[in-house]
Amino acid sequence: MAHEQVGTLLDHLLASYREEINAIRGELAELRQEIRRDRQQPPAPAHRATIRIKEVCSRSGLSRATIYRLESEGKWPRRYRLTDGTVGWDEAEVEARIAEMQATRVGGTTPR
């Protein structure tokens, strides 16, 4: 190749790379703006499901009386009032407590 052709080819490659770099800079600027917007917006409140006593008993395998006794002893999640005659429990709290109970095995050794 002649020296002029090499120079032209290099100029063309350089121009092409500059275009790519500018496109990437534009994308980067857009991403930075998106990150700033996301940081400014408060996170959406997590949906907390409520379960009633029948479901609590079914999931835990405990009786209604045992649930209330454990709650009064501070060993079970506290219920909250839904209406004048209705209470419920936070599903995540109940599931966490059940998992804690399942982690405690009775009888010395754990199954293999």
C-alpha atoms as a PDB file:
ATOM      1  CA  MET A   1       0.000   0.000   0.000  1.00  0.00           C
ATOM      2  CA  ALA A   2       1.132   3.484  -0.732  1.00  0.00           C
ATOM      3  CA  HIS A   3       1.854   5.852   2.102  1.00  0.00           C
ATOM      4  CA  GLU A   4      -1.120   8.080   1.165  1.00  0.00           C
ATOM      5  CA  GLN A   5      -3.504   5.109   1.191  1.00  0.00           C
ATOM      6  CA  VAL A   6      -2.354   4.116   4.649  1.00  0.00           C
ATOM      7  CA  GLY A   7      -2.887   7.670   5.868  1.00  0.00           C
ATOM      8  CA  THR A   8      -6.400   7.775   4.363  1.00  0.00           C
ATOM      9  CA  LEU A   9      -7.263   4.421   5.896  1.00  0.00           C
ATOM     10  CA  LEU A  10      -6.019   5.554   9.304  1.00  0.00           C
ATOM     11  CA  ASP A  11      -8.010   8.801   9.027  1.00  0.00           C
ATOM     12  CA  HIS A  12     -11.125   6.802   8.185  1.00  0.00           C
ATOM     13  CA  LEU A  13     -10.586   4.429  11.140  1.00  0.00           C
ATOM     14  CA  LEU A  14      -9.938   7.355  13.476  1.00  0.00           C
ATOM     15  CA  ALA A  15     -13.166   9.082  12.377  1.00  0.00           C
ATOM     16  CA  SER A  16     -15.084   5.823  12.842  1.00  0.00           C
ATOM     17  CA  TYR A  17     -13.676   5.326  16.346  1.00  0.00           C
ATOM     18  CA  ARG A  18     -14.540   8.908  17.286  1.00  0.00           C
ATOM     19  CA  GLU A  19     -18.140   8.347  16.203  1.00  0.00           C
ATOM     20  CA  GLU A  20     -18.326   5.188  18.322  1.00  0.00           C
ATOM     21  CA  ILE A  21     -16.800   6.954  21.323  1.00  0.00           C
ATOM     22  CA  ASN A  22     -19.293   9.823  21.023  1.00  0.00           C
ATOM     23  CA  ALA A  23     -22.191   7.349  20.795  1.00  0.00           C
ATOM     24  CA  ILE A  24     -20.955   5.559  23.920  1.00  0.00           C
ATOM     25  CA  ARG A  25     -20.580   8.895  25.741  1.00  0.00           C
ATOM     26  CA  GLY A  26     -24.195   9.716  24.884  1.00  0.00           C
ATOM     27  CA  GLU A  27     -25.392   6.352  26.211  1.00  0.00           C
ATOM     28  CA  LEU A  28     -23.341   6.837  29.355  1.00  0.00           C
ATOM     29  CA  ALA A  29     -24.860  10.285  29.935  1.00  0.00           C
ATOM     30  CA  GLU A  30     -28.368   8.806  29.568  1.00  0.00           C
ATOM     31  CA  LEU A  31     -27.558   6.054  32.059  1.00  0.00           C
ATOM     32  CA  ARG A  32     -26.222   8.591  34.557  1.00  0.00           C
ATOM     33  CA  GLN A  33     -29.437  10.614  34.282  1.00  0.00           C
ATOM     34  CA  GLU A  34     -31.515   7.467  34.779  1.00  0.00           C
ATOM     35  CA  ILE A  35     -29.508   6.574  37.894  1.00  0.00           C
ATOM     36  CA  ARG A  36     -30.011  10.089  39.290  1.00  0.00           C
ATOM     37  CA  ARG A  37     -33.777   9.850  38.707  1.00  0.00           C
ATOM     38  CA  ASP A  38     -33.921   6.432  40.387  1.00  0.00           C
ATOM     39  CA  ARG A  39     -32.009   7.711  43.411  1.00  0.00           C
ATOM     40  CA  GLN A  40     -34.374  10.660  43.805  1.00  0.00           C
ATOM     41  CA  GLN A  41     -37.536   8.541  43.764  1.00  0.00           C
ATOM     42  CA  PRO A  42     -38.389   6.938  47.093  1.00  0.00           C
ATOM     43  CA  PRO A  43     -38.710   3.168  46.895  1.00  0.00           C
ATOM     44  CA  ALA A  44     -42.229   1.834  46.583  1.00  0.00           C
ATOM     45  CA  PRO A  45     -43.511   0.445  49.863  1.00  0.00           C
ATOM     46  CA  ALA A  46     -43.277  -3.322  49.981  1.00  0.00           C
ATOM     47  CA  HIS A  47     -46.613  -5.094  49.925  1.00  0.00           C
ATOM     48  CA  ARG A  48     -47.092  -6.891  53.209  1.00  0.00           C
ATOM     49  CA  ALA A  49     -49.631  -9.698  53.042  1.00  0.00           C
ATOM     50  CA  THR A  50     -51.939 -10.307  55.972  1.00  0.00           C
ATOM     51  CA  ILE A  51     -53.078 -13.763  57.019  1.00  0.00           C
ATOM     52  CA  ARG A  52     -55.885 -14.684  59.377  1.00  0.00           C
ATOM     53  CA  ILE A  53     -55.876 -17.139  62.274  1.00  0.00           C
ATOM     54  CA  LYS A  54     -57.080 -20.144  60.227  1.00  0.00           C
ATOM     55  CA  GLU A  55     -54.171 -19.707  57.832  1.00  0.00           C
ATOM     56  CA  VAL A  56     -51.715 -19.130  60.697  1.00  0.00           C
ATOM     57  CA  CYS A  57     -52.833 -22.394  62.313  1.00  0.00           C
ATOM     58  CA  SER A  58     -52.720 -24.257  59.013  1.00  0.00           C
ATOM     59  CA  ARG A  59     -49.215 -23.108  58.147  1.00  0.00           C
ATOM     60  CA  SER A  60     -47.751 -23.557  61.606  1.00  0.00           C
ATOM     61  CA  GLY A  61     -49.539 -26.748  62.636  1.00  0.00           C
ATOM     62  CA  LEU A  62     -50.354 -25.073  65.963  1.00  0.00           C
ATOM     63  CA  SER A  63     -53.764 -24.633  67.539  1.00  0.00           C
ATOM     64  CA  ARG A  64     -55.456 -21.286  67.935  1.00  0.00           C
ATOM     65  CA  ALA A  65     -54.944 -21.430  71.721  1.00  0.00           C
ATOM     66  CA  THR A  66     -51.222 -22.152  71.296  1.00  0.00           C
ATOM     67  CA  ILE A  67     -50.813 -19.247  68.874  1.00  0.00           C
ATOM     68  CA  TYR A  68     -52.416 -16.834  71.351  1.00  0.00           C
ATOM     69  CA  ARG A  69     -50.400 -18.255  74.273  1.00  0.00           C
ATOM     70  CA  LEU A  70     -47.101 -17.980  72.392  1.00  0.00           C
ATOM     71  CA  GLU A  71     -48.015 -14.444  71.373  1.00  0.00           C
ATOM     72  CA  SER A  72     -48.700 -13.457  74.994  1.00  0.00           C
ATOM     73  CA  GLU A  73     -45.314 -14.948  75.974  1.00  0.00           C
ATOM     74  CA  GLY A  74     -43.571 -12.919  73.256  1.00  0.00           C
ATOM     75  CA  LYS A  75     -42.674 -16.059  71.303  1.00  0.00           C
ATOM     76  CA  TRP A  76     -44.949 -15.426  68.328  1.00  0.00           C
ATOM     77  CA  PRO A  77     -45.443 -12.376  66.061  1.00  0.00           C
ATOM     78  CA  ARG A  78     -48.024  -9.910  67.331  1.00  0.00           C
ATOM     79  CA  ARG A  79     -51.350  -9.678  65.600  1.00  0.00           C
ATOM     80  CA  TYR A  80     -52.849  -6.371  64.504  1.00  0.00           C
ATOM     81  CA  ARG A  81     -56.409  -5.176  64.284  1.00  0.00           C
ATOM     82  CA  LEU A  82     -58.053  -5.127  60.855  1.00  0.00           C
ATOM     83  CA  THR A  83     -61.554  -4.185  62.033  1.00  0.00           C
ATOM     84  CA  ASP A  84     -63.334  -4.144  65.390  1.00  0.00           C
ATOM     85  CA  GLY A  85     -63.696  -7.931  65.454  1.00  0.00           C
ATOM     86  CA  THR A  86     -60.945  -9.004  63.077  1.00  0.00           C
ATOM     87  CA  VAL A  87     -57.213  -9.451  63.517  1.00  0.00           C
ATOM     88  CA  GLY A  88     -54.446 -10.610  61.227  1.00  0.00           C
ATOM     89  CA  TRP A  89     -50.741 -11.387  61.206  1.00  0.00           C
ATOM     90  CA  ASP A  90     -48.012 -10.232  58.885  1.00  0.00           C
ATOM     91  CA  GLU A  91     -47.347 -13.198  56.612  1.00  0.00           C
ATOM     92  CA  ALA A  92     -43.584 -12.593  56.410  1.00  0.00           C
ATOM     93  CA  GLU A  93     -43.284 -12.455  60.222  1.00  0.00           C
ATOM     94  CA  VAL A  94     -45.255 -15.680  60.634  1.00  0.00           C
ATOM     95  CA  GLU A  95     -43.194 -17.449  57.964  1.00  0.00           C
ATOM     96  CA  ALA A  96     -39.969 -16.282  59.603  1.00  0.00           C
ATOM     97  CA  ARG A  97     -41.105 -17.589  62.999  1.00  0.00           C
ATOM     98  CA  ILE A  98     -42.116 -20.937  61.517  1.00  0.00           C
ATOM     99  CA  ALA A  99     -38.684 -21.178  59.865  1.00  0.00           C
ATOM    100  CA  GLU A 100     -37.040 -20.485  63.249  1.00  0.00           C
ATOM    101  CA  MET A 101     -39.113 -23.223  64.840  1.00  0.00           C
ATOM    102  CA  GLN A 102     -38.242 -25.668  62.058  1.00  0.00           C
ATOM    103  CA  ALA A 103     -34.546 -24.916  62.515  1.00  0.00           C
ATOM    104  CA  THR A 104     -34.756 -26.179  66.111  1.00  0.00           C
ATOM    105  CA  ARG A 105     -34.772 -29.960  66.042  1.00  0.00           C
ATOM    106  CA  VAL A 106     -35.961 -32.105  68.922  1.00  0.00           C
ATOM    107  CA  GLY A 107     -33.821 -34.995  70.119  1.00  0.00           C
ATOM    108  CA  GLY A 108     -30.066 -34.517  69.968  1.00  0.00           C
ATOM    109  CA  THR A 109     -28.933 -35.314  66.418  1.00  0.00           C
ATOM    110  CA  THR A 110     -30.062 -33.854  63.155  1.00  0.00           C
ATOM    111  CA  PRO A 111     -31.058 -36.138  60.274  1.00  0.00           C
ATOM    112  CA  ARG A 112     -28.425 -36.756  57.607  1.00  0.00           C
END
